[in-house]
Amino acid sequence: MNLYAILRRSGWSSAAELGEAAERSTRVGEQMPDDVRWIRSYVLDEGAGSVGTVCVYEAESPEAIRQHASRAHLPVDEIIPVADTVIVRPDPQPAATA
């Protein structure tokens, strides 16, 4: 499998809507374990309550990512092959909420 970054700009009008999309994505991904594997996502504040994402996936091909997105009803603005990974520091952990 190859590594890809998927850009999804202003894909959702709220965090709750994004949560529902994540559940669909997980279910569909479980049906395609040899084709697509979701690694992580970064949620983008697109303003006015809208959110987008940059998602990192392992996949057999961009077509497999598009098929997964179609089946999970996810937008795909751009699929970019990842050439390499440079980790300077691990991702920061979200602050605990009270």
N, C-alpha and C. Protein backbone atom coordinates (compact mmCIF):
# COMPACT_ATOMS: atom_id res chain seq x y z
N MET A 1 0.84 -1.19 0.00
CA MET A 1 0.00 0.00 0.00
C MET A 1 0.89 1.24 0.00
N ASN A 2 0.34 2.32 -0.55
CA ASN A 2 1.03 3.60 -0.60
C ASN A 2 0.37 4.57 0.38
N LEU A 3 1.10 5.61 0.74
CA LEU A 3 0.59 6.61 1.67
C LEU A 3 0.09 7.82 0.89
N TYR A 4 -1.08 8.34 1.29
CA TYR A 4 -1.70 9.48 0.62
C TYR A 4 -2.23 10.47 1.64
N ALA A 5 -2.21 11.75 1.27
CA ALA A 5 -2.91 12.80 2.02
C ALA A 5 -4.15 13.18 1.20
N ILE A 6 -5.29 13.25 1.86
CA ILE A 6 -6.54 13.60 1.20
C ILE A 6 -7.03 14.92 1.78
N LEU A 7 -7.24 15.89 0.92
CA LEU A 7 -7.74 17.19 1.33
C LEU A 7 -9.25 17.22 1.12
N ARG A 8 -9.96 17.57 2.19
CA ARG A 8 -11.42 17.69 2.14
C ARG A 8 -11.76 19.08 2.70
N ARG A 9 -11.91 20.07 1.83
CA ARG A 9 -12.14 21.47 2.25
C ARG A 9 -13.62 21.71 2.53
N SER A 10 -13.90 22.33 3.67
CA SER A 10 -15.27 22.73 4.05
C SER A 10 -16.28 21.61 3.80
N GLY A 11 -15.90 20.41 4.16
CA GLY A 11 -16.75 19.25 3.88
C GLY A 11 -17.95 19.12 4.79
N TRP A 12 -17.90 19.78 5.99
CA TRP A 12 -18.96 19.59 6.96
C TRP A 12 -19.31 20.92 7.61
N SER A 13 -20.59 21.06 7.96
CA SER A 13 -21.04 22.32 8.55
C SER A 13 -20.89 22.35 10.06
N SER A 14 -20.52 21.21 10.67
CA SER A 14 -20.34 21.18 12.12
C SER A 14 -19.47 19.99 12.51
N ALA A 15 -18.97 20.05 13.74
CA ALA A 15 -18.18 18.94 14.26
C ALA A 15 -19.04 17.68 14.39
N ALA A 16 -20.32 17.84 14.73
CA ALA A 16 -21.22 16.68 14.85
C ALA A 16 -21.38 15.99 13.50
N GLU A 17 -21.52 16.77 12.45
CA GLU A 17 -21.65 16.21 11.10
C GLU A 17 -20.36 15.47 10.72
N LEU A 18 -19.22 16.04 11.08
CA LEU A 18 -17.94 15.38 10.83
C LEU A 18 -17.85 14.06 11.59
N GLY A 19 -18.34 14.03 12.83
CA GLY A 19 -18.35 12.79 13.61
C GLY A 19 -19.15 11.70 12.94
N GLU A 20 -20.29 12.04 12.38
CA GLU A 20 -21.11 11.06 11.65
C GLU A 20 -20.36 10.55 10.43
N ALA A 21 -19.68 11.45 9.74
CA ALA A 21 -18.90 11.05 8.57
C ALA A 21 -17.77 10.10 8.97
N ALA A 22 -17.14 10.36 10.11
CA ALA A 22 -16.06 9.49 10.59
C ALA A 22 -16.58 8.09 10.88
N GLU A 23 -17.78 7.99 11.44
CA GLU A 23 -18.38 6.68 11.69
C GLU A 23 -18.64 5.93 10.39
N ARG A 24 -19.17 6.64 9.38
CA ARG A 24 -19.40 6.00 8.07
C ARG A 24 -18.09 5.55 7.47
N SER A 25 -17.06 6.42 7.56
CA SER A 25 -15.76 6.09 7.00
C SER A 25 -15.18 4.83 7.64
N THR A 26 -15.30 4.74 8.95
CA THR A 26 -14.80 3.56 9.66
C THR A 26 -15.52 2.30 9.21
N ARG A 27 -16.86 2.36 9.12
CA ARG A 27 -17.63 1.19 8.69
C ARG A 27 -17.23 0.74 7.29
N VAL A 28 -17.14 1.68 6.37
CA VAL A 28 -16.79 1.33 4.99
C VAL A 28 -15.35 0.81 4.94
N GLY A 29 -14.45 1.44 5.69
CA GLY A 29 -13.06 0.99 5.73
C GLY A 29 -12.93 -0.44 6.22
N GLU A 30 -13.78 -0.83 7.17
CA GLU A 30 -13.76 -2.21 7.67
C GLU A 30 -14.18 -3.20 6.59
N GLN A 31 -14.92 -2.74 5.60
CA GLN A 31 -15.34 -3.59 4.48
C GLN A 31 -14.28 -3.64 3.38
N MET A 32 -13.26 -2.78 3.46
CA MET A 32 -12.22 -2.68 2.43
C MET A 32 -10.81 -2.77 3.03
N PRO A 33 -10.55 -3.70 3.97
CA PRO A 33 -9.26 -3.67 4.69
C PRO A 33 -8.03 -3.90 3.82
N ASP A 34 -8.18 -4.53 2.68
CA ASP A 34 -7.03 -4.77 1.81
C ASP A 34 -6.78 -3.63 0.83
N ASP A 35 -7.71 -2.65 0.79
CA ASP A 35 -7.64 -1.57 -0.18
C ASP A 35 -7.33 -0.21 0.43
N VAL A 36 -7.88 0.05 1.63
CA VAL A 36 -7.80 1.38 2.23
C VAL A 36 -7.65 1.23 3.74
N ARG A 37 -6.77 2.05 4.31
CA ARG A 37 -6.58 2.06 5.77
C ARG A 37 -6.41 3.50 6.24
N TRP A 38 -7.36 3.98 7.05
CA TRP A 38 -7.34 5.33 7.59
C TRP A 38 -6.30 5.39 8.70
N ILE A 39 -5.36 6.32 8.61
CA ILE A 39 -4.30 6.45 9.60
C ILE A 39 -4.62 7.55 10.61
N ARG A 40 -4.89 8.77 10.12
CA ARG A 40 -5.22 9.89 11.01
C ARG A 40 -5.82 11.01 10.18
N SER A 41 -6.43 11.95 10.90
CA SER A 41 -6.98 13.15 10.25
C SER A 41 -6.68 14.36 11.11
N TYR A 42 -6.48 15.48 10.43
CA TYR A 42 -6.36 16.77 11.07
C TYR A 42 -7.59 17.57 10.67
N VAL A 43 -8.32 18.07 11.65
CA VAL A 43 -9.55 18.83 11.38
C VAL A 43 -9.17 20.30 11.20
N LEU A 44 -9.68 20.88 10.12
CA LEU A 44 -9.37 22.26 9.74
C LEU A 44 -10.54 23.17 10.09
N ASP A 45 -10.27 24.26 10.75
CA ASP A 45 -11.29 25.28 11.02
C ASP A 45 -11.41 26.12 9.76
N GLU A 46 -12.49 25.95 9.03
CA GLU A 46 -12.68 26.65 7.76
C GLU A 46 -13.45 27.96 7.93
N GLY A 47 -13.80 28.30 9.17
CA GLY A 47 -14.53 29.54 9.44
C GLY A 47 -16.03 29.34 9.38
N ALA A 48 -16.74 30.19 10.08
CA ALA A 48 -18.21 30.17 10.12
C ALA A 48 -18.76 28.81 10.55
N GLY A 49 -18.01 28.08 11.37
CA GLY A 49 -18.47 26.78 11.87
C GLY A 49 -18.18 25.61 10.96
N SER A 50 -17.77 25.88 9.74
CA SER A 50 -17.47 24.83 8.77
C SER A 50 -16.12 24.19 9.08
N VAL A 51 -16.02 22.88 8.89
CA VAL A 51 -14.76 22.18 9.09
C VAL A 51 -14.40 21.36 7.86
N GLY A 52 -13.11 21.24 7.65
CA GLY A 52 -12.57 20.38 6.62
C GLY A 52 -11.56 19.46 7.27
N THR A 53 -10.90 18.64 6.48
CA THR A 53 -9.90 17.73 7.03
C THR A 53 -8.74 17.54 6.05
N VAL A 54 -7.61 17.20 6.61
CA VAL A 54 -6.50 16.62 5.88
C VAL A 54 -6.36 15.23 6.48
N CYS A 55 -6.59 14.22 5.67
CA CYS A 55 -6.57 12.84 6.15
C CYS A 55 -5.37 12.11 5.57
N VAL A 56 -4.79 11.25 6.37
CA VAL A 56 -3.68 10.41 5.92
C VAL A 56 -4.21 8.98 5.84
N TYR A 57 -4.05 8.39 4.66
CA TYR A 57 -4.51 7.03 4.41
C TYR A 57 -3.40 6.20 3.79
N GLU A 58 -3.42 4.93 4.06
CA GLU A 58 -2.70 3.95 3.25
C GLU A 58 -3.74 3.39 2.30
N ALA A 59 -3.35 3.23 1.03
CA ALA A 59 -4.31 2.71 0.05
C ALA A 59 -3.57 2.06 -1.10
N GLU A 60 -4.26 1.18 -1.77
CA GLU A 60 -3.72 0.52 -2.95
C GLU A 60 -3.56 1.51 -4.11
N SER A 61 -4.45 2.52 -4.14
CA SER A 61 -4.42 3.47 -5.25
C SER A 61 -5.33 4.65 -4.94
N PRO A 62 -5.18 5.76 -5.67
CA PRO A 62 -6.13 6.86 -5.52
C PRO A 62 -7.57 6.42 -5.83
N GLU A 63 -7.72 5.49 -6.76
CA GLU A 63 -9.05 5.00 -7.10
C GLU A 63 -9.70 4.30 -5.91
N ALA A 64 -8.91 3.56 -5.12
CA ALA A 64 -9.45 2.91 -3.92
C ALA A 64 -9.92 3.95 -2.92
N ILE A 65 -9.18 5.05 -2.79
CA ILE A 65 -9.59 6.13 -1.90
C ILE A 65 -10.89 6.75 -2.39
N ARG A 66 -11.00 6.98 -3.69
CA ARG A 66 -12.23 7.55 -4.25
C ARG A 66 -13.41 6.61 -4.05
N GLN A 67 -13.18 5.30 -4.21
CA GLN A 67 -14.25 4.33 -3.99
C GLN A 67 -14.70 4.35 -2.53
N HIS A 68 -13.75 4.37 -1.62
CA HIS A 68 -14.08 4.45 -0.19
C HIS A 68 -14.88 5.71 0.10
N ALA A 69 -14.42 6.84 -0.41
CA ALA A 69 -15.10 8.12 -0.18
C ALA A 69 -16.52 8.10 -0.73
N SER A 70 -16.68 7.54 -1.91
CA SER A 70 -18.01 7.47 -2.52
C SER A 70 -18.95 6.62 -1.67
N ARG A 71 -18.47 5.47 -1.24
CA ARG A 71 -19.30 4.56 -0.44
C ARG A 71 -19.63 5.16 0.93
N ALA A 72 -18.72 5.98 1.49
CA ALA A 72 -18.94 6.59 2.80
C ALA A 72 -19.54 7.99 2.70
N HIS A 73 -19.82 8.45 1.48
CA HIS A 73 -20.39 9.79 1.25
C HIS A 73 -19.49 10.87 1.83
N LEU A 74 -18.21 10.81 1.45
CA LEU A 74 -17.21 11.78 1.89
C LEU A 74 -16.74 12.60 0.70
N PRO A 75 -16.49 13.89 0.88
CA PRO A 75 -15.93 14.68 -0.21
C PRO A 75 -14.45 14.35 -0.39
N VAL A 76 -13.95 14.55 -1.59
CA VAL A 76 -12.52 14.43 -1.88
C VAL A 76 -12.17 15.58 -2.82
N ASP A 77 -11.40 16.54 -2.31
CA ASP A 77 -10.98 17.64 -3.16
C ASP A 77 -9.67 17.34 -3.86
N GLU A 78 -8.78 16.65 -3.14
CA GLU A 78 -7.47 16.36 -3.72
C GLU A 78 -6.86 15.15 -3.03
N ILE A 79 -6.21 14.30 -3.81
CA ILE A 79 -5.46 13.15 -3.28
C ILE A 79 -4.01 13.36 -3.68
N ILE A 80 -3.14 13.38 -2.68
CA ILE A 80 -1.73 13.70 -2.92
C ILE A 80 -0.88 12.54 -2.42
N PRO A 81 -0.08 11.90 -3.28
CA PRO A 81 0.83 10.86 -2.79
C PRO A 81 1.86 11.44 -1.82
N VAL A 82 2.12 10.74 -0.74
CA VAL A 82 3.12 11.17 0.24
C VAL A 82 4.45 10.55 -0.16
N ALA A 83 5.46 11.38 -0.36
CA ALA A 83 6.77 10.91 -0.79
C ALA A 83 7.60 10.39 0.38
N ASP A 84 7.44 11.01 1.56
CA ASP A 84 8.25 10.64 2.71
C ASP A 84 7.62 11.24 3.95
N THR A 85 8.06 10.81 5.11
CA THR A 85 7.57 11.34 6.38
C THR A 85 8.76 11.84 7.18
N VAL A 86 8.66 13.05 7.68
CA VAL A 86 9.66 13.63 8.57
C VAL A 86 8.95 13.96 9.87
N ILE A 87 9.34 13.31 10.94
CA ILE A 87 8.72 13.57 12.24
C ILE A 87 9.72 14.33 13.10
N VAL A 88 9.40 15.57 13.39
CA VAL A 88 10.25 16.38 14.25
C VAL A 88 9.82 16.17 15.70
N ARG A 89 8.52 16.16 15.92
CA ARG A 89 7.94 15.89 17.23
C ARG A 89 6.66 15.09 17.01
N PRO A 90 6.25 14.30 17.98
CA PRO A 90 4.97 13.61 17.84
C PRO A 90 3.82 14.63 17.84
N ASP A 91 2.70 14.24 17.28
CA ASP A 91 1.53 15.12 17.30
C ASP A 91 1.20 15.47 18.75
N PRO A 92 0.85 16.73 19.00
CA PRO A 92 0.45 17.12 20.36
C PRO A 92 -0.86 16.44 20.74
N GLN A 93 -0.99 16.14 22.00
CA GLN A 93 -2.23 15.53 22.50
C GLN A 93 -3.24 16.63 22.77
N PRO A 94 -4.53 16.40 22.46
CA PRO A 94 -5.55 17.42 22.75
C PRO A 94 -5.61 17.67 24.26
N ALA A 95 -5.93 18.89 24.63
CA ALA A 95 -6.08 19.22 26.04
C ALA A 95 -7.30 18.50 26.61
N ALA A 96 -7.17 18.03 27.83
CA ALA A 96 -8.30 17.36 28.48
C ALA A 96 -9.40 18.37 28.74
N THR A 97 -10.63 17.95 28.52
CA THR A 97 -11.77 18.84 28.77
C THR A 97 -12.35 18.50 30.13
N ALA A 98 -12.83 19.50 30.83
CA ALA A 98 -13.38 19.30 32.18
C ALA A 98 -14.82 18.88 32.12
